[in-house]
Each structure stands twice: as C-alpha cells, then as structure tokens.
Amino acid sequence: MRAFLICAECDALCAKRSFMTAMASATAANDGGVSKCGDALLRTMLYEAAHSLLTHSGKWSWLKAWGVRVAQRRGMRRAIVAVARRLAVVLHRIWVDGSEFRWSKDSAAVPMAA
C-alpha cells in the first residue's frame, strides 16, 4: 500500500488511499504499548509510587480514587501505569510552578514559599 500523500489533483483519491492504508494497518498485529524511552530508573520509581498509592496507601486522594476507577474498568496493571503517568504530570507541575499537592479537589493550590 502507498502511504497517504496530499494530492492537489484529487482529494477523493487521497482519502481513498488514506482509508486503504488505515485498513491495512488495522489488520496487522500492532501491540503498541508504553515506549521505553527516557530514564529507566525514573519509570521504575513512578511505577512503584503508583503501585504503593493504589495498594498500600490508606489515605484517599483524588489521584487514588481516579486510579481505582481505572482499575475497575481496565485492570490493575493498566491503572498503575496510568497513575504513574498522571503522577509524573503532577510532579512536573509542582516542579514548574512550585505548588503543593492537593489531597482533594476542593482545597486550593498553595504556592510554596521561596
């Protein structure tokens, strides 16, 4: 199959090529998954933190509640990876603007004193 290219002559032909390429890739075995790019130790620590939050932590937070809902729908392993990703986003946000972690959605974000 040819890859999708923008054709100035005929948009219908290009859309048809795009559809055929999509159909061809849909039949192929595409495992996908999480890429292994980046720091392996950081990925491991985020996974362990998410696992600990979901399984061992007694204190409830909006992050744990979200992770439990994901675990009910998709399974515990995917929930741990999802919580690890969201935890990375939260940690990055804390690092960038200096705010503190909010245990509940109701509490206001308080910037840390410099």
C-alpha atoms as a PDB file:
ATOM      1  CA  MET A   1       0.000   0.000   0.000  1.00  0.00           C
ATOM      2  CA  ARG A   2       1.124   3.528  -0.675  1.00  0.00           C
ATOM      3  CA  ALA A   3       1.375   5.991   2.156  1.00  0.00           C
ATOM      4  CA  PHE A   4      -1.097   8.849   2.325  1.00  0.00           C
ATOM      5  CA  LEU A   5       0.152  11.883   0.427  1.00  0.00           C
ATOM      6  CA  ILE A   6      -1.603  15.206  -0.077  1.00  0.00           C
ATOM      7  CA  CYS A   7      -2.651  15.343  -3.685  1.00  0.00           C
ATOM      8  CA  ALA A   8      -3.545  18.678  -5.258  1.00  0.00           C
ATOM      9  CA  GLU A   9      -5.365  16.952  -8.109  1.00  0.00           C
ATOM     10  CA  CYS A  10      -7.897  14.753  -6.383  1.00  0.00           C
ATOM     11  CA  ASP A  11      -8.848  14.844  -2.714  1.00  0.00           C
ATOM     12  CA  ALA A  12     -11.109  11.824  -3.109  1.00  0.00           C
ATOM     13  CA  LEU A  13      -8.235   9.681  -4.322  1.00  0.00           C
ATOM     14  CA  CYS A  14      -6.119  10.771  -1.365  1.00  0.00           C
ATOM     15  CA  ALA A  15      -8.900   9.979   1.078  1.00  0.00           C
ATOM     16  CA  LYS A  16      -9.290   6.577  -0.557  1.00  0.00           C
ATOM     17  CA  ARG A  17      -5.560   5.902  -0.201  1.00  0.00           C
ATOM     18  CA  SER A  18      -5.715   7.003   3.417  1.00  0.00           C
ATOM     19  CA  PHE A  19      -8.630   4.655   4.115  1.00  0.00           C
ATOM     20  CA  MET A  20      -6.853   1.736   2.437  1.00  0.00           C
ATOM     21  CA  THR A  21      -3.679   2.420   4.443  1.00  0.00           C
ATOM     22  CA  ALA A  22      -5.694   2.561   7.663  1.00  0.00           C
ATOM     23  CA  MET A  23      -7.412  -0.717   6.817  1.00  0.00           C
ATOM     24  CA  ALA A  24      -4.092  -2.371   6.053  1.00  0.00           C
ATOM     25  CA  SER A  25      -2.605  -1.244   9.343  1.00  0.00           C
ATOM     26  CA  ALA A  26      -5.724  -2.318  11.253  1.00  0.00           C
ATOM     27  CA  THR A  27      -5.285  -5.913  10.137  1.00  0.00           C
ATOM     28  CA  ALA A  28      -1.603  -6.011  11.113  1.00  0.00           C
ATOM     29  CA  ALA A  29      -0.582  -7.059  14.619  1.00  0.00           C
ATOM     30  CA  ASN A  30       0.051  -3.756  16.398  1.00  0.00           C
ATOM     31  CA  ASP A  31       0.989  -4.269  20.019  1.00  0.00           C
ATOM     32  CA  GLY A  32       1.617  -0.594  20.776  1.00  0.00           C
ATOM     33  CA  GLY A  33       2.190  -0.045  24.466  1.00  0.00           C
ATOM     34  CA  VAL A  34       4.298   2.288  26.523  1.00  0.00           C
ATOM     35  CA  SER A  35       7.593   3.304  24.974  1.00  0.00           C
ATOM     36  CA  LYS A  36      10.767   2.501  26.841  1.00  0.00           C
ATOM     37  CA  CYS A  37      12.309   5.906  26.110  1.00  0.00           C
ATOM     38  CA  GLY A  38      13.675   8.040  28.918  1.00  0.00           C
ATOM     39  CA  ASP A  39      15.224   7.248  32.262  1.00  0.00           C
ATOM     40  CA  ALA A  40      14.551   3.639  33.289  1.00  0.00           C
ATOM     41  CA  LEU A  41      15.078   4.386  36.981  1.00  0.00           C
ATOM     42  CA  LEU A  42      12.537   7.223  36.876  1.00  0.00           C
ATOM     43  CA  ARG A  43       9.976   4.959  35.172  1.00  0.00           C
ATOM     44  CA  THR A  44      10.583   2.314  37.828  1.00  0.00           C
ATOM     45  CA  MET A  45      10.196   4.784  40.690  1.00  0.00           C
ATOM     46  CA  LEU A  46       6.984   6.248  39.225  1.00  0.00           C
ATOM     47  CA  TYR A  47       5.566   2.730  38.768  1.00  0.00           C
ATOM     48  CA  GLU A  48       6.459   1.774  42.336  1.00  0.00           C
ATOM     49  CA  ALA A  49       4.980   5.001  43.713  1.00  0.00           C
ATOM     50  CA  ALA A  50       1.749   4.442  41.771  1.00  0.00           C
ATOM     51  CA  HIS A  51       1.581   0.811  42.907  1.00  0.00           C
ATOM     52  CA  SER A  52       2.115   1.865  46.513  1.00  0.00           C
ATOM     53  CA  LEU A  53      -0.527   4.585  46.220  1.00  0.00           C
ATOM     54  CA  LEU A  54      -3.128   2.191  44.831  1.00  0.00           C
ATOM     55  CA  THR A  55      -2.443  -0.824  47.033  1.00  0.00           C
ATOM     56  CA  HIS A  56      -0.842   0.233  50.315  1.00  0.00           C
ATOM     57  CA  SER A  57      -1.858   3.827  50.975  1.00  0.00           C
ATOM     58  CA  GLY A  58      -4.676   4.198  53.463  1.00  0.00           C
ATOM     59  CA  LYS A  59      -5.214   7.902  52.820  1.00  0.00           C
ATOM     60  CA  TRP A  60      -7.603   8.663  49.978  1.00  0.00           C
ATOM     61  CA  SER A  61      -6.856  11.332  47.431  1.00  0.00           C
ATOM     62  CA  TRP A  62      -8.388  12.319  44.118  1.00  0.00           C
ATOM     63  CA  LEU A  63      -5.482  10.522  42.404  1.00  0.00           C
ATOM     64  CA  LYS A  64      -6.121   7.262  44.235  1.00  0.00           C
ATOM     65  CA  ALA A  65      -9.876   7.493  43.583  1.00  0.00           C
ATOM     66  CA  TRP A  66      -9.212   8.052  39.880  1.00  0.00           C
ATOM     67  CA  GLY A  67      -6.777   5.129  39.800  1.00  0.00           C
ATOM     68  CA  VAL A  68      -9.261   2.800  41.481  1.00  0.00           C
ATOM     69  CA  ARG A  69     -11.904   3.718  38.888  1.00  0.00           C
ATOM     70  CA  VAL A  70      -9.420   2.993  36.099  1.00  0.00           C
ATOM     71  CA  ALA A  71      -8.547  -0.340  37.767  1.00  0.00           C
ATOM     72  CA  GLN A  72     -12.204  -1.345  37.855  1.00  0.00           C
ATOM     73  CA  ARG A  73     -12.588  -0.616  34.141  1.00  0.00           C
ATOM     74  CA  ARG A  74      -9.209  -1.632  32.706  1.00  0.00           C
ATOM     75  CA  GLY A  75      -7.407  -3.753  35.290  1.00  0.00           C
ATOM     76  CA  MET A  76      -4.816  -3.082  37.965  1.00  0.00           C
ATOM     77  CA  ARG A  77      -1.705  -3.150  35.755  1.00  0.00           C
ATOM     78  CA  ARG A  78      -3.030  -0.530  33.362  1.00  0.00           C
ATOM     79  CA  ALA A  79      -4.286   1.526  36.276  1.00  0.00           C
ATOM     80  CA  ILE A  80      -0.830   1.543  37.846  1.00  0.00           C
ATOM     81  CA  VAL A  81       0.724   2.746  34.595  1.00  0.00           C
ATOM     82  CA  ALA A  82      -1.984   5.387  34.194  1.00  0.00           C
ATOM     83  CA  VAL A  83      -1.497   6.639  37.764  1.00  0.00           C
ATOM     84  CA  ALA A  84       2.281   6.665  37.246  1.00  0.00           C
ATOM     85  CA  ARG A  85       1.846   8.869  34.192  1.00  0.00           C
ATOM     86  CA  ARG A  86      -0.543  11.200  35.969  1.00  0.00           C
ATOM     87  CA  LEU A  87       1.806  11.311  38.958  1.00  0.00           C
ATOM     88  CA  ALA A  88       4.612  12.360  36.607  1.00  0.00           C
ATOM     89  CA  VAL A  89       2.427  15.178  35.276  1.00  0.00           C
ATOM     90  CA  VAL A  90       1.584  16.317  38.823  1.00  0.00           C
ATOM     91  CA  LEU A  91       5.231  16.214  39.886  1.00  0.00           C
ATOM     92  CA  HIS A  92       6.259  18.195  36.822  1.00  0.00           C
ATOM     93  CA  ARG A  93       3.591  20.813  37.539  1.00  0.00           C
ATOM     94  CA  ILE A  94       4.780  21.055  41.170  1.00  0.00           C
ATOM     95  CA  TRP A  95       8.351  21.432  39.948  1.00  0.00           C
ATOM     96  CA  VAL A  96       7.487  24.133  37.377  1.00  0.00           C
ATOM     97  CA  ASP A  97       5.280  26.449  39.420  1.00  0.00           C
ATOM     98  CA  GLY A  98       6.163  25.420  42.982  1.00  0.00           C
ATOM     99  CA  SER A  99       2.644  24.493  44.086  1.00  0.00           C
ATOM    100  CA  GLU A 100       1.849  21.807  46.652  1.00  0.00           C
ATOM    101  CA  PHE A 101      -0.003  18.542  46.114  1.00  0.00           C
ATOM    102  CA  ARG A 102      -3.729  18.827  46.848  1.00  0.00           C
ATOM    103  CA  TRP A 103      -5.163  15.747  48.524  1.00  0.00           C
ATOM    104  CA  SER A 104      -8.674  16.776  47.482  1.00  0.00           C
ATOM    105  CA  LYS A 105     -10.040  18.700  44.539  1.00  0.00           C
ATOM    106  CA  ASP A 106     -11.674  21.186  46.943  1.00  0.00           C
ATOM    107  CA  SER A 107      -8.510  22.519  48.552  1.00  0.00           C
ATOM    108  CA  ALA A 108      -6.845  25.437  46.790  1.00  0.00           C
ATOM    109  CA  ALA A 109      -3.366  25.166  45.352  1.00  0.00           C
ATOM    110  CA  VAL A 110      -0.886  26.912  47.615  1.00  0.00           C
ATOM    111  CA  PRO A 111       2.418  28.046  46.104  1.00  0.00           C
ATOM    112  CA  MET A 112       5.405  27.118  48.210  1.00  0.00           C
ATOM    113  CA  ALA A 113       7.377  29.923  49.847  1.00  0.00           C
ATOM    114  CA  ALA A 114      10.630  30.562  48.062  1.00  0.00           C
END
